[in-house]
Amino acid sequence: MSLFGEKCARCGTRARKASEGPTICEGCQREMKLIVQAQAEDSRRCPIDGALMQKEISFMIVIDRCPTCRGIWLDGGELERIKGGVEEKALIAMSRSFAMPIA
């Protein structure tokens, strides 16, 4: 293992924990768990046009999206989790802009 940690085999970011086999970061591990979870869920029909909705992962949440009308379906509590993720990223971006430059 290098001084700064091995790079994730999926996304290339640094992983904090050593592992056996290919190194995978925590974010990719969570995403892969969501993919497995999504594959186990039943597919839904779009309430607008009746097309079979496809599963997508966004903000570490499984979202059902209609391939024809592009509408989305969120399960209970998922909208709040998306809002929280967006707010967190906005706060981080704002805090970085307030940092004093080193001259």
N, C-alpha and C. Protein backbone atom coordinates (compact mmCIF):
# COMPACT_ATOMS: atom_id res chain seq x y z
N MET A 1 0.85 -1.18 0.00
CA MET A 1 0.00 0.00 0.00
C MET A 1 0.89 1.24 0.00
N SER A 2 0.53 2.25 -0.78
CA SER A 2 1.33 3.46 -0.86
C SER A 2 1.06 4.35 0.34
N LEU A 3 1.86 5.40 0.45
CA LEU A 3 1.75 6.33 1.57
C LEU A 3 0.36 6.97 1.65
N PHE A 4 -0.24 7.29 0.51
CA PHE A 4 -1.54 7.96 0.48
C PHE A 4 -2.71 7.01 0.25
N GLY A 5 -2.46 5.74 0.20
CA GLY A 5 -3.52 4.77 -0.05
C GLY A 5 -3.59 4.39 -1.51
N GLU A 6 -4.05 3.20 -1.76
CA GLU A 6 -4.18 2.71 -3.13
C GLU A 6 -5.35 3.40 -3.82
N LYS A 7 -5.31 3.45 -5.14
CA LYS A 7 -6.41 4.03 -5.91
C LYS A 7 -7.50 2.98 -6.13
N CYS A 8 -8.74 3.45 -6.14
CA CYS A 8 -9.90 2.60 -6.39
C CYS A 8 -9.82 2.06 -7.82
N ALA A 9 -10.10 0.77 -7.98
CA ALA A 9 -10.05 0.14 -9.29
C ALA A 9 -11.18 0.63 -10.20
N ARG A 10 -12.28 1.17 -9.62
CA ARG A 10 -13.42 1.64 -10.43
C ARG A 10 -13.30 3.09 -10.82
N CYS A 11 -13.00 3.99 -9.86
CA CYS A 11 -13.07 5.42 -10.14
C CYS A 11 -11.74 6.15 -10.04
N GLY A 12 -10.74 5.52 -9.46
CA GLY A 12 -9.42 6.12 -9.38
C GLY A 12 -9.17 7.01 -8.18
N THR A 13 -10.17 7.19 -7.29
CA THR A 13 -9.94 7.98 -6.09
C THR A 13 -9.17 7.15 -5.08
N ARG A 14 -8.59 7.80 -4.10
CA ARG A 14 -7.82 7.10 -3.08
C ARG A 14 -8.76 6.38 -2.12
N ALA A 15 -8.43 5.14 -1.80
CA ALA A 15 -9.21 4.35 -0.85
C ALA A 15 -8.51 4.41 0.50
N ARG A 16 -9.26 4.49 1.56
CA ARG A 16 -8.68 4.62 2.91
C ARG A 16 -8.29 3.28 3.51
N LYS A 17 -8.99 2.23 3.14
CA LYS A 17 -8.75 0.93 3.75
C LYS A 17 -8.09 -0.02 2.76
N ALA A 18 -7.17 -0.81 3.28
CA ALA A 18 -6.56 -1.84 2.45
C ALA A 18 -7.53 -2.99 2.33
N SER A 19 -7.50 -3.67 1.21
CA SER A 19 -8.41 -4.80 1.02
C SER A 19 -7.70 -5.89 0.25
N GLU A 20 -8.25 -7.07 0.33
CA GLU A 20 -7.73 -8.17 -0.46
C GLU A 20 -8.33 -8.05 -1.86
N GLY A 21 -7.55 -8.33 -2.86
CA GLY A 21 -8.04 -8.20 -4.22
C GLY A 21 -7.99 -6.75 -4.66
N PRO A 22 -8.78 -6.39 -5.68
CA PRO A 22 -8.75 -5.01 -6.17
C PRO A 22 -9.22 -4.02 -5.10
N THR A 23 -8.58 -2.87 -5.03
CA THR A 23 -8.95 -1.83 -4.07
C THR A 23 -10.20 -1.11 -4.57
N ILE A 24 -11.19 -0.97 -3.69
CA ILE A 24 -12.45 -0.29 -4.01
C ILE A 24 -12.71 0.74 -2.92
N CYS A 25 -12.99 2.00 -3.31
CA CYS A 25 -13.27 3.05 -2.33
C CYS A 25 -14.66 2.85 -1.72
N GLU A 26 -14.91 3.57 -0.62
CA GLU A 26 -16.19 3.43 0.08
C GLU A 26 -17.37 3.87 -0.79
N GLY A 27 -17.20 4.93 -1.56
CA GLY A 27 -18.28 5.39 -2.43
C GLY A 27 -18.67 4.35 -3.46
N CYS A 28 -17.68 3.71 -4.07
CA CYS A 28 -17.96 2.67 -5.06
C CYS A 28 -18.57 1.43 -4.40
N GLN A 29 -18.15 1.13 -3.17
CA GLN A 29 -18.75 0.00 -2.45
C GLN A 29 -20.23 0.25 -2.21
N ARG A 30 -20.58 1.49 -1.79
CA ARG A 30 -22.00 1.82 -1.56
C ARG A 30 -22.78 1.75 -2.86
N GLU A 31 -22.17 2.26 -3.95
CA GLU A 31 -22.86 2.23 -5.24
C GLU A 31 -23.09 0.80 -5.72
N MET A 32 -22.11 -0.07 -5.53
CA MET A 32 -22.27 -1.46 -5.95
C MET A 32 -23.35 -2.17 -5.13
N LYS A 33 -23.45 -1.85 -3.84
CA LYS A 33 -24.53 -2.41 -3.02
C LYS A 33 -25.89 -1.95 -3.53
N LEU A 34 -25.97 -0.66 -3.93
CA LEU A 34 -27.22 -0.14 -4.48
C LEU A 34 -27.58 -0.83 -5.79
N ILE A 35 -26.59 -1.13 -6.61
CA ILE A 35 -26.85 -1.82 -7.87
C ILE A 35 -27.44 -3.19 -7.61
N VAL A 36 -26.86 -3.91 -6.65
CA VAL A 36 -27.38 -5.25 -6.30
C VAL A 36 -28.80 -5.12 -5.75
N GLN A 37 -29.03 -4.12 -4.90
CA GLN A 37 -30.37 -3.88 -4.34
C GLN A 37 -31.36 -3.56 -5.45
N ALA A 38 -30.97 -2.73 -6.41
CA ALA A 38 -31.86 -2.34 -7.50
C ALA A 38 -32.23 -3.54 -8.37
N GLN A 39 -31.28 -4.45 -8.58
CA GLN A 39 -31.56 -5.62 -9.40
C GLN A 39 -32.57 -6.54 -8.74
N ALA A 40 -32.65 -6.50 -7.41
CA ALA A 40 -33.60 -7.35 -6.69
C ALA A 40 -35.01 -6.75 -6.67
N GLU A 41 -35.13 -5.44 -6.91
CA GLU A 41 -36.45 -4.79 -6.89
C GLU A 41 -37.24 -5.11 -8.16
N ASP A 42 -38.54 -5.15 -8.02
CA ASP A 42 -39.41 -5.33 -9.19
C ASP A 42 -39.43 -4.04 -10.01
N SER A 43 -39.49 -4.17 -11.32
CA SER A 43 -39.59 -3.00 -12.18
C SER A 43 -41.01 -2.45 -12.12
N ARG A 44 -41.12 -1.13 -12.18
CA ARG A 44 -42.43 -0.47 -12.14
C ARG A 44 -42.80 0.01 -13.53
N ARG A 45 -44.09 0.20 -13.71
CA ARG A 45 -44.61 0.80 -14.95
C ARG A 45 -44.77 2.30 -14.72
N CYS A 46 -44.48 3.08 -15.74
CA CYS A 46 -44.63 4.53 -15.66
C CYS A 46 -46.11 4.88 -15.51
N PRO A 47 -46.46 5.73 -14.53
CA PRO A 47 -47.86 6.11 -14.37
C PRO A 47 -48.38 7.00 -15.50
N ILE A 48 -47.49 7.57 -16.30
CA ILE A 48 -47.92 8.46 -17.38
C ILE A 48 -48.20 7.68 -18.66
N ASP A 49 -47.22 6.86 -19.10
CA ASP A 49 -47.40 6.18 -20.39
C ASP A 49 -47.34 4.65 -20.31
N GLY A 50 -47.16 4.10 -19.12
CA GLY A 50 -47.19 2.65 -18.94
C GLY A 50 -45.93 1.91 -19.35
N ALA A 51 -44.87 2.61 -19.76
CA ALA A 51 -43.62 1.96 -20.16
C ALA A 51 -42.92 1.39 -18.93
N LEU A 52 -42.14 0.36 -19.12
CA LEU A 52 -41.39 -0.26 -18.04
C LEU A 52 -40.23 0.67 -17.67
N MET A 53 -40.18 1.10 -16.40
CA MET A 53 -39.18 2.06 -15.96
C MET A 53 -37.84 1.37 -15.74
N GLN A 54 -36.74 2.12 -15.97
CA GLN A 54 -35.39 1.61 -15.78
C GLN A 54 -34.81 2.14 -14.48
N LYS A 55 -33.93 1.37 -13.84
CA LYS A 55 -33.30 1.77 -12.58
C LYS A 55 -32.03 2.56 -12.89
N GLU A 56 -31.85 3.67 -12.18
CA GLU A 56 -30.64 4.48 -12.26
C GLU A 56 -30.20 4.83 -10.85
N ILE A 57 -28.92 5.10 -10.68
CA ILE A 57 -28.41 5.51 -9.38
C ILE A 57 -27.96 6.96 -9.49
N SER A 58 -28.51 7.81 -8.62
CA SER A 58 -28.14 9.21 -8.57
C SER A 58 -28.13 9.63 -7.10
N PHE A 59 -27.10 10.35 -6.69
CA PHE A 59 -26.95 10.76 -5.29
C PHE A 59 -27.03 9.54 -4.36
N MET A 60 -26.49 8.40 -4.83
CA MET A 60 -26.49 7.15 -4.07
C MET A 60 -27.90 6.69 -3.71
N ILE A 61 -28.84 6.96 -4.60
CA ILE A 61 -30.24 6.55 -4.44
C ILE A 61 -30.68 5.87 -5.72
N VAL A 62 -31.42 4.76 -5.58
CA VAL A 62 -31.96 4.08 -6.76
C VAL A 62 -33.21 4.81 -7.21
N ILE A 63 -33.19 5.28 -8.45
CA ILE A 63 -34.31 6.04 -9.02
C ILE A 63 -34.88 5.26 -10.19
N ASP A 64 -36.20 5.22 -10.29
CA ASP A 64 -36.86 4.60 -11.45
C ASP A 64 -37.13 5.71 -12.47
N ARG A 65 -36.65 5.52 -13.73
CA ARG A 65 -36.82 6.53 -14.77
C ARG A 65 -37.49 5.90 -15.98
N CYS A 66 -38.48 6.60 -16.53
CA CYS A 66 -39.18 6.14 -17.73
C CYS A 66 -38.31 6.44 -18.95
N PRO A 67 -38.05 5.43 -19.79
CA PRO A 67 -37.21 5.66 -20.97
C PRO A 67 -37.90 6.48 -22.06
N THR A 68 -39.22 6.56 -22.04
CA THR A 68 -39.91 7.30 -23.11
C THR A 68 -40.21 8.75 -22.72
N CYS A 69 -40.82 8.99 -21.56
CA CYS A 69 -41.17 10.37 -21.18
C CYS A 69 -40.12 10.98 -20.25
N ARG A 70 -39.15 10.19 -19.79
CA ARG A 70 -38.06 10.62 -18.91
C ARG A 70 -38.53 11.05 -17.52
N GLY A 71 -39.76 10.70 -17.14
CA GLY A 71 -40.25 10.96 -15.80
C GLY A 71 -39.54 10.06 -14.80
N ILE A 72 -39.52 10.48 -13.52
CA ILE A 72 -38.87 9.67 -12.50
C ILE A 72 -39.83 9.33 -11.37
N TRP A 73 -39.52 8.25 -10.66
CA TRP A 73 -40.30 7.80 -9.52
C TRP A 73 -39.35 7.66 -8.34
N LEU A 74 -39.68 8.31 -7.22
CA LEU A 74 -38.88 8.22 -6.01
C LEU A 74 -39.67 7.48 -4.94
N ASP A 75 -39.00 6.60 -4.21
CA ASP A 75 -39.61 5.94 -3.08
C ASP A 75 -39.64 6.90 -1.89
N GLY A 76 -40.37 6.53 -0.84
CA GLY A 76 -40.50 7.38 0.33
C GLY A 76 -39.16 7.77 0.93
N GLY A 77 -38.98 9.06 1.22
CA GLY A 77 -37.77 9.58 1.86
C GLY A 77 -36.62 9.88 0.91
N GLU A 78 -36.73 9.46 -0.34
CA GLU A 78 -35.61 9.66 -1.27
C GLU A 78 -35.44 11.12 -1.68
N LEU A 79 -36.52 11.86 -1.85
CA LEU A 79 -36.41 13.28 -2.21
C LEU A 79 -35.67 14.05 -1.13
N GLU A 80 -35.96 13.75 0.13
CA GLU A 80 -35.29 14.41 1.23
C GLU A 80 -33.80 14.08 1.25
N ARG A 81 -33.45 12.83 0.93
CA ARG A 81 -32.03 12.44 0.87
C ARG A 81 -31.32 13.17 -0.26
N ILE A 82 -31.99 13.35 -1.40
CA ILE A 82 -31.39 14.08 -2.53
C ILE A 82 -31.18 15.54 -2.13
N LYS A 83 -32.20 16.15 -1.52
CA LYS A 83 -32.08 17.54 -1.09
C LYS A 83 -30.92 17.70 -0.12
N GLY A 84 -30.80 16.78 0.82
CA GLY A 84 -29.70 16.84 1.80
C GLY A 84 -28.34 16.75 1.13
N GLY A 85 -28.21 15.89 0.12
CA GLY A 85 -26.94 15.75 -0.61
C GLY A 85 -26.59 16.99 -1.38
N VAL A 86 -27.59 17.61 -2.01
CA VAL A 86 -27.36 18.84 -2.78
C VAL A 86 -26.98 19.97 -1.83
N GLU A 87 -27.68 20.09 -0.71
CA GLU A 87 -27.37 21.14 0.26
C GLU A 87 -25.96 20.97 0.82
N GLU A 88 -25.58 19.73 1.10
CA GLU A 88 -24.25 19.47 1.64
C GLU A 88 -23.17 19.88 0.64
N LYS A 89 -23.35 19.52 -0.63
CA LYS A 89 -22.37 19.88 -1.66
C LYS A 89 -22.31 21.39 -1.86
N ALA A 90 -23.46 22.05 -1.77
CA ALA A 90 -23.47 23.51 -1.91
C ALA A 90 -22.73 24.17 -0.75
N LEU A 91 -22.93 23.68 0.46
CA LEU A 91 -22.22 24.25 1.62
C LEU A 91 -20.72 24.03 1.51
N ILE A 92 -20.31 22.87 1.04
CA ILE A 92 -18.87 22.60 0.87
C ILE A 92 -18.29 23.54 -0.18
N ALA A 93 -18.99 23.72 -1.30
CA ALA A 93 -18.52 24.62 -2.35
C ALA A 93 -18.43 26.06 -1.84
N MET A 94 -19.42 26.49 -1.05
CA MET A 94 -19.39 27.85 -0.52
C MET A 94 -18.25 28.02 0.46
N SER A 95 -18.02 27.02 1.31
CA SER A 95 -16.94 27.14 2.29
C SER A 95 -15.58 27.19 1.61
N ARG A 96 -15.42 26.53 0.50
CA ARG A 96 -14.14 26.58 -0.23
C ARG A 96 -13.92 27.96 -0.85
N SER A 97 -14.99 28.62 -1.25
CA SER A 97 -14.83 29.94 -1.85
C SER A 97 -14.49 31.00 -0.82
N PHE A 98 -14.76 30.72 0.46
CA PHE A 98 -14.44 31.67 1.52
C PHE A 98 -13.02 31.50 2.04
N ALA A 99 -12.32 30.46 1.61
CA ALA A 99 -10.97 30.21 2.09
C ALA A 99 -10.04 31.33 1.64
N MET A 100 -9.15 31.72 2.50
CA MET A 100 -8.19 32.79 2.19
C MET A 100 -7.06 32.21 1.33
N PRO A 101 -6.72 32.85 0.22
CA PRO A 101 -5.62 32.37 -0.60
C PRO A 101 -4.28 32.58 0.10
N ILE A 102 -3.38 31.67 -0.10
CA ILE A 102 -2.03 31.80 0.48
C ILE A 102 -1.19 32.56 -0.53
N ALA A 103 -0.70 33.71 -0.13
CA ALA A 103 0.08 34.53 -1.06
C ALA A 103 1.55 34.51 -0.74
